[in-house]
Amino acid sequence: MFAGADVTYDPHHCKQIIAPIRRRCYWGAVVFYYSTRTMTVIDPSLHDKESYLRREIHG
């Protein structure tokens, strides 16, 4: 995948690769969160599921 071993150990180069991926994952999570929230408004059964999961997590 990498052209040379020196590229893999260059932290700046690694950051350049990782940062956009991390940002994409972050925005993906944000979009997913808001899309599920809008879905819960449309479908009450999903809202029940969400509150149930929240109770399971927080005890």
Foldseek 3Di string as FASTA:
>chain_A
DDPDPVQVPPVVNVCVVVVVVVVVVVVVVVVVVVVLVVVCVVPVVSVVVVVVVVVVVVD
